[in-house]
Structures are given as C-alpha cells and as structure tokens.
Amino acid sequence: MENSTIDMERIWTKNFTMNFVVNFLVNLNMYLLIVLIAGYAQSQFNASDSSAGLVAGLFIVGSLMGRFVMGKYINSLGPRKVLLIGTVLFTITSVFYFVESSLLFLIIVRIINGFSFGICTTSTGSIAGYITPETKKGEGISFLV
C-alpha cells in the first residue's frame, strides 16, 4: 500500500517544470557564453590570452559572490522573490553583451552576469527543495544540477 502512495507523489508538477525551464535557460546561456567569450574578447578587443581567460573566469567569481551574498536572503525574502530579482538582473546583463564598448566593460558585465547566475541557480535549487515531495527530494534536486 505504501508503494502506491509513493508513486502518486509526482516530481514534474507545473511549478517544478517552470523552475526546471528557468534553470535550464540560465545554464544554457552560461554554457554557450563560456565557450565563446574568450575568443570574442580576443577578436573584438585584441585581448591577450591571459586577459581573455580572465574575462571567461570572472564569471565564476561573480557566481560564487552571488551564491554567498544571496543565500541568506532566500530565507528572509523567499526563494521566488530572489529568483525574480536574479532573472531580471541576469536578463539585463545578458543584453549588455551586445554592447561593444571596451574590454573593461565586458569584464564588468561578466562579473555582474555571473553574480546574477549565482542568484538564479541558488534560488532554483532552493525552490526545488521546497516543492519536491519528501520521498523524491534527491531525485527532484538532481534534475537541476
């Protein structure tokens, strides 16, 4: 009898699916840019190999800062509000990649975009933890990693 109850607890609810899609799109953006950004910095701004690597790597630094800073706000504001803040900031900074200003501007955009990425991924993970059934929590969270 207990097995039938466990099978009835679904992971893929409307809220989980929306959370998954947001997480997927944010990660898709990150993975596409991480491959292209160093070459872009070299071709557009004549950046050296080390400067181009810095442009690519500072995204991760920003991401770590976003995770550390916003982790405490998830508890006070709630993960959905924090996710909204993160996705708005992530969208705005993603648009700034189309502005060809300078290498310094690109570095600043990468850091802020990484920061907002950290906010988004921390929030989607928290939301998954809250909305996934207790018996399937590990399975549900693993879809977002």
C-alpha atoms as a PDB file:
ATOM      1  CA  MET A   1       0.000   0.000   0.000  1.00  0.00           C
ATOM      2  CA  GLU A   2       2.850   2.356   0.773  1.00  0.00           C
ATOM      3  CA  ASN A   3       4.358   1.946  -2.718  1.00  0.00           C
ATOM      4  CA  SER A   4       1.189   3.240  -4.368  1.00  0.00           C
ATOM      5  CA  THR A   5       1.344   6.371  -2.199  1.00  0.00           C
ATOM      6  CA  ILE A   6       4.958   6.993  -3.165  1.00  0.00           C
ATOM      7  CA  ASP A   7       4.168   6.567  -6.869  1.00  0.00           C
ATOM      8  CA  MET A   8       1.374   9.161  -6.606  1.00  0.00           C
ATOM      9  CA  GLU A   9       3.795  11.856  -5.444  1.00  0.00           C
ATOM     10  CA  ARG A  10       4.877  13.435  -8.705  1.00  0.00           C
ATOM     11  CA  ILE A  11       8.012  15.480  -9.248  1.00  0.00           C
ATOM     12  CA  TRP A  12       7.030  17.056 -12.556  1.00  0.00           C
ATOM     13  CA  THR A  13       4.330  19.435 -11.387  1.00  0.00           C
ATOM     14  CA  LYS A  14       3.661  22.779 -13.081  1.00  0.00           C
ATOM     15  CA  ASN A  15       5.823  24.638 -10.551  1.00  0.00           C
ATOM     16  CA  PHE A  16       8.696  22.169 -10.813  1.00  0.00           C
ATOM     17  CA  THR A  17       8.593  22.268 -14.613  1.00  0.00           C
ATOM     18  CA  MET A  18       8.676  26.077 -14.644  1.00  0.00           C
ATOM     19  CA  ASN A  19      11.564  26.040 -12.181  1.00  0.00           C
ATOM     20  CA  PHE A  20      13.385  23.485 -14.348  1.00  0.00           C
ATOM     21  CA  VAL A  21      12.901  25.583 -17.505  1.00  0.00           C
ATOM     22  CA  VAL A  22      14.274  28.722 -15.819  1.00  0.00           C
ATOM     23  CA  ASN A  23      17.268  26.769 -14.537  1.00  0.00           C
ATOM     24  CA  PHE A  24      17.827  25.186 -17.966  1.00  0.00           C
ATOM     25  CA  LEU A  25      17.740  28.524 -19.809  1.00  0.00           C
ATOM     26  CA  VAL A  26      20.073  30.231 -17.343  1.00  0.00           C
ATOM     27  CA  ASN A  27      22.542  27.342 -17.585  1.00  0.00           C
ATOM     28  CA  LEU A  28      22.246  27.236 -21.379  1.00  0.00           C
ATOM     29  CA  ASN A  29      23.158  30.925 -21.536  1.00  0.00           C
ATOM     30  CA  MET A  30      26.139  30.353 -19.257  1.00  0.00           C
ATOM     31  CA  TYR A  31      27.472  27.325 -21.151  1.00  0.00           C
ATOM     32  CA  LEU A  32      27.104  28.996 -24.551  1.00  0.00           C
ATOM     33  CA  LEU A  33      28.908  32.120 -23.401  1.00  0.00           C
ATOM     34  CA  ILE A  34      31.702  30.355 -21.532  1.00  0.00           C
ATOM     35  CA  VAL A  35      32.738  28.693 -24.798  1.00  0.00           C
ATOM     36  CA  LEU A  36      32.599  31.841 -26.918  1.00  0.00           C
ATOM     37  CA  ILE A  37      33.582  34.714 -24.643  1.00  0.00           C
ATOM     38  CA  ALA A  38      37.383  34.314 -24.666  1.00  0.00           C
ATOM     39  CA  GLY A  39      37.513  34.234 -28.465  1.00  0.00           C
ATOM     40  CA  TYR A  40      35.141  37.180 -28.614  1.00  0.00           C
ATOM     41  CA  ALA A  41      37.352  39.212 -26.257  1.00  0.00           C
ATOM     42  CA  GLN A  42      40.382  38.441 -28.407  1.00  0.00           C
ATOM     43  CA  SER A  43      38.739  39.260 -31.724  1.00  0.00           C
ATOM     44  CA  GLN A  44      36.800  42.381 -30.680  1.00  0.00           C
ATOM     45  CA  PHE A  45      39.192  43.968 -28.192  1.00  0.00           C
ATOM     46  CA  ASN A  46      42.556  42.425 -29.159  1.00  0.00           C
ATOM     47  CA  ALA A  47      42.790  40.919 -25.680  1.00  0.00           C
ATOM     48  CA  SER A  48      45.800  38.793 -24.808  1.00  0.00           C
ATOM     49  CA  ASP A  49      45.324  35.127 -23.952  1.00  0.00           C
ATOM     50  CA  SER A  50      45.518  35.889 -20.244  1.00  0.00           C
ATOM     51  CA  SER A  51      43.036  38.777 -20.480  1.00  0.00           C
ATOM     52  CA  ALA A  52      40.625  36.632 -22.473  1.00  0.00           C
ATOM     53  CA  GLY A  53      40.939  33.898 -19.849  1.00  0.00           C
ATOM     54  CA  LEU A  54      40.275  36.477 -17.153  1.00  0.00           C
ATOM     55  CA  VAL A  55      37.101  37.575 -18.949  1.00  0.00           C
ATOM     56  CA  ALA A  56      35.923  33.963 -19.077  1.00  0.00           C
ATOM     57  CA  GLY A  57      36.905  33.135 -15.496  1.00  0.00           C
ATOM     58  CA  LEU A  58      35.498  36.186 -13.749  1.00  0.00           C
ATOM     59  CA  PHE A  59      32.007  34.871 -14.436  1.00  0.00           C
ATOM     60  CA  ILE A  60      32.680  32.079 -11.934  1.00  0.00           C
ATOM     61  CA  VAL A  61      33.974  34.578  -9.360  1.00  0.00           C
ATOM     62  CA  GLY A  62      30.766  36.578  -9.772  1.00  0.00           C
ATOM     63  CA  SER A  63      28.730  33.395  -9.471  1.00  0.00           C
ATOM     64  CA  LEU A  64      30.379  32.492  -6.176  1.00  0.00           C
ATOM     65  CA  MET A  65      29.757  36.002  -4.845  1.00  0.00           C
ATOM     66  CA  GLY A  66      26.104  35.741  -5.867  1.00  0.00           C
ATOM     67  CA  ARG A  67      25.705  32.449  -4.043  1.00  0.00           C
ATOM     68  CA  PHE A  68      27.370  33.705  -0.857  1.00  0.00           C
ATOM     69  CA  VAL A  69      25.535  37.026  -0.726  1.00  0.00           C
ATOM     70  CA  MET A  70      22.038  35.908  -1.675  1.00  0.00           C
ATOM     71  CA  GLY A  71      21.915  32.671   0.303  1.00  0.00           C
ATOM     72  CA  LYS A  72      20.789  34.496   3.429  1.00  0.00           C
ATOM     73  CA  TYR A  73      18.170  36.495   1.520  1.00  0.00           C
ATOM     74  CA  ILE A  74      16.483  33.320   0.307  1.00  0.00           C
ATOM     75  CA  ASN A  75      15.406  32.680   3.888  1.00  0.00           C
ATOM     76  CA  SER A  76      14.220  36.235   4.567  1.00  0.00           C
ATOM     77  CA  LEU A  77      12.686  37.217   1.197  1.00  0.00           C
ATOM     78  CA  GLY A  78      11.783  33.756  -0.051  1.00  0.00           C
ATOM     79  CA  PRO A  79      13.319  31.898  -2.992  1.00  0.00           C
ATOM     80  CA  ARG A  80      10.752  33.041  -5.559  1.00  0.00           C
ATOM     81  CA  LYS A  81      11.382  36.744  -4.940  1.00  0.00           C
ATOM     82  CA  VAL A  82      15.123  36.168  -5.014  1.00  0.00           C
ATOM     83  CA  LEU A  83      14.740  34.194  -8.263  1.00  0.00           C
ATOM     84  CA  LEU A  84      12.755  37.055  -9.783  1.00  0.00           C
ATOM     85  CA  ILE A  85      15.491  39.520  -8.821  1.00  0.00           C
ATOM     86  CA  GLY A  86      18.136  37.183 -10.218  1.00  0.00           C
ATOM     87  CA  THR A  87      16.389  36.523 -13.526  1.00  0.00           C
ATOM     88  CA  VAL A  88      15.716  40.226 -14.128  1.00  0.00           C
ATOM     89  CA  LEU A  89      19.363  41.072 -13.422  1.00  0.00           C
ATOM     90  CA  PHE A  90      20.536  38.087 -15.493  1.00  0.00           C
ATOM     91  CA  THR A  91      18.396  39.139 -18.462  1.00  0.00           C
ATOM     92  CA  ILE A  92      19.575  42.748 -18.307  1.00  0.00           C
ATOM     93  CA  THR A  93      23.241  41.795 -18.077  1.00  0.00           C
ATOM     94  CA  SER A  94      22.831  39.262 -20.884  1.00  0.00           C
ATOM     95  CA  VAL A  95      21.588  42.061 -23.154  1.00  0.00           C
ATOM     96  CA  PHE A  96      24.722  44.079 -22.313  1.00  0.00           C
ATOM     97  CA  TYR A  97      26.825  41.507 -24.176  1.00  0.00           C
ATOM     98  CA  PHE A  98      25.543  43.112 -27.370  1.00  0.00           C
ATOM     99  CA  VAL A  99      27.107  46.459 -26.389  1.00  0.00           C
ATOM    100  CA  GLU A 100      30.630  46.609 -27.789  1.00  0.00           C
ATOM    101  CA  SER A 101      32.263  49.161 -25.543  1.00  0.00           C
ATOM    102  CA  SER A 102      35.597  48.029 -24.113  1.00  0.00           C
ATOM    103  CA  LEU A 103      37.323  45.091 -22.505  1.00  0.00           C
ATOM    104  CA  LEU A 104      36.752  46.651 -19.080  1.00  0.00           C
ATOM    105  CA  PHE A 105      33.016  46.936 -19.787  1.00  0.00           C
ATOM    106  CA  LEU A 106      32.946  43.270 -20.836  1.00  0.00           C
ATOM    107  CA  ILE A 107      34.731  42.280 -17.615  1.00  0.00           C
ATOM    108  CA  ILE A 108      32.205  44.219 -15.511  1.00  0.00           C
ATOM    109  CA  VAL A 109      29.300  42.652 -17.415  1.00  0.00           C
ATOM    110  CA  ARG A 110      30.794  39.177 -16.887  1.00  0.00           C
ATOM    111  CA  ILE A 111      31.117  39.693 -13.132  1.00  0.00           C
ATOM    112  CA  ILE A 112      27.567  41.034 -12.757  1.00  0.00           C
ATOM    113  CA  ASN A 113      26.190  38.344 -15.071  1.00  0.00           C
ATOM    114  CA  GLY A 114      27.978  35.708 -13.010  1.00  0.00           C
ATOM    115  CA  PHE A 115      26.596  37.258  -9.816  1.00  0.00           C
ATOM    116  CA  SER A 116      23.059  37.045 -11.185  1.00  0.00           C
ATOM    117  CA  PHE A 117      23.722  33.472 -12.368  1.00  0.00           C
ATOM    118  CA  GLY A 118      24.666  32.558  -8.802  1.00  0.00           C
ATOM    119  CA  ILE A 119      21.432  34.116  -7.561  1.00  0.00           C
ATOM    120  CA  CYS A 120      19.335  32.213 -10.111  1.00  0.00           C
ATOM    121  CA  THR A 121      20.894  28.803  -9.606  1.00  0.00           C
ATOM    122  CA  THR A 122      20.829  29.071  -5.820  1.00  0.00           C
ATOM    123  CA  SER A 123      17.167  30.080  -5.948  1.00  0.00           C
ATOM    124  CA  THR A 124      16.086  27.344  -8.358  1.00  0.00           C
ATOM    125  CA  GLY A 125      17.817  24.747  -6.195  1.00  0.00           C
ATOM    126  CA  SER A 126      16.061  26.062  -3.096  1.00  0.00           C
ATOM    127  CA  ILE A 127      12.698  26.120  -4.831  1.00  0.00           C
ATOM    128  CA  ALA A 128      13.205  22.528  -5.980  1.00  0.00           C
ATOM    129  CA  GLY A 129      13.954  21.539  -2.396  1.00  0.00           C
ATOM    130  CA  TYR A 130      10.741  23.162  -1.184  1.00  0.00           C
ATOM    131  CA  ILE A 131       8.350  21.871  -3.859  1.00  0.00           C
ATOM    132  CA  THR A 132       9.668  18.336  -4.405  1.00  0.00           C
ATOM    133  CA  PRO A 133       7.892  15.607  -2.417  1.00  0.00           C
ATOM    134  CA  GLU A 134       9.877  14.449   0.612  1.00  0.00           C
ATOM    135  CA  THR A 135      10.224  10.895  -0.719  1.00  0.00           C
ATOM    136  CA  LYS A 136      11.653  12.105  -4.061  1.00  0.00           C
ATOM    137  CA  LYS A 137      13.710  15.100  -2.933  1.00  0.00           C
ATOM    138  CA  GLY A 138      17.064  13.700  -4.099  1.00  0.00           C
ATOM    139  CA  GLU A 139      15.669  12.806  -7.499  1.00  0.00           C
ATOM    140  CA  GLY A 140      13.997  16.200  -7.914  1.00  0.00           C
ATOM    141  CA  ILE A 141      17.029  18.252  -6.949  1.00  0.00           C
ATOM    142  CA  SER A 142      19.289  16.143  -9.181  1.00  0.00           C
ATOM    143  CA  PHE A 143      17.407  17.379 -12.256  1.00  0.00           C
ATOM    144  CA  LEU A 144      18.722  20.885 -11.570  1.00  0.00           C
ATOM    145  CA  VAL A 145      22.377  20.048 -11.045  1.00  0.00           C
END
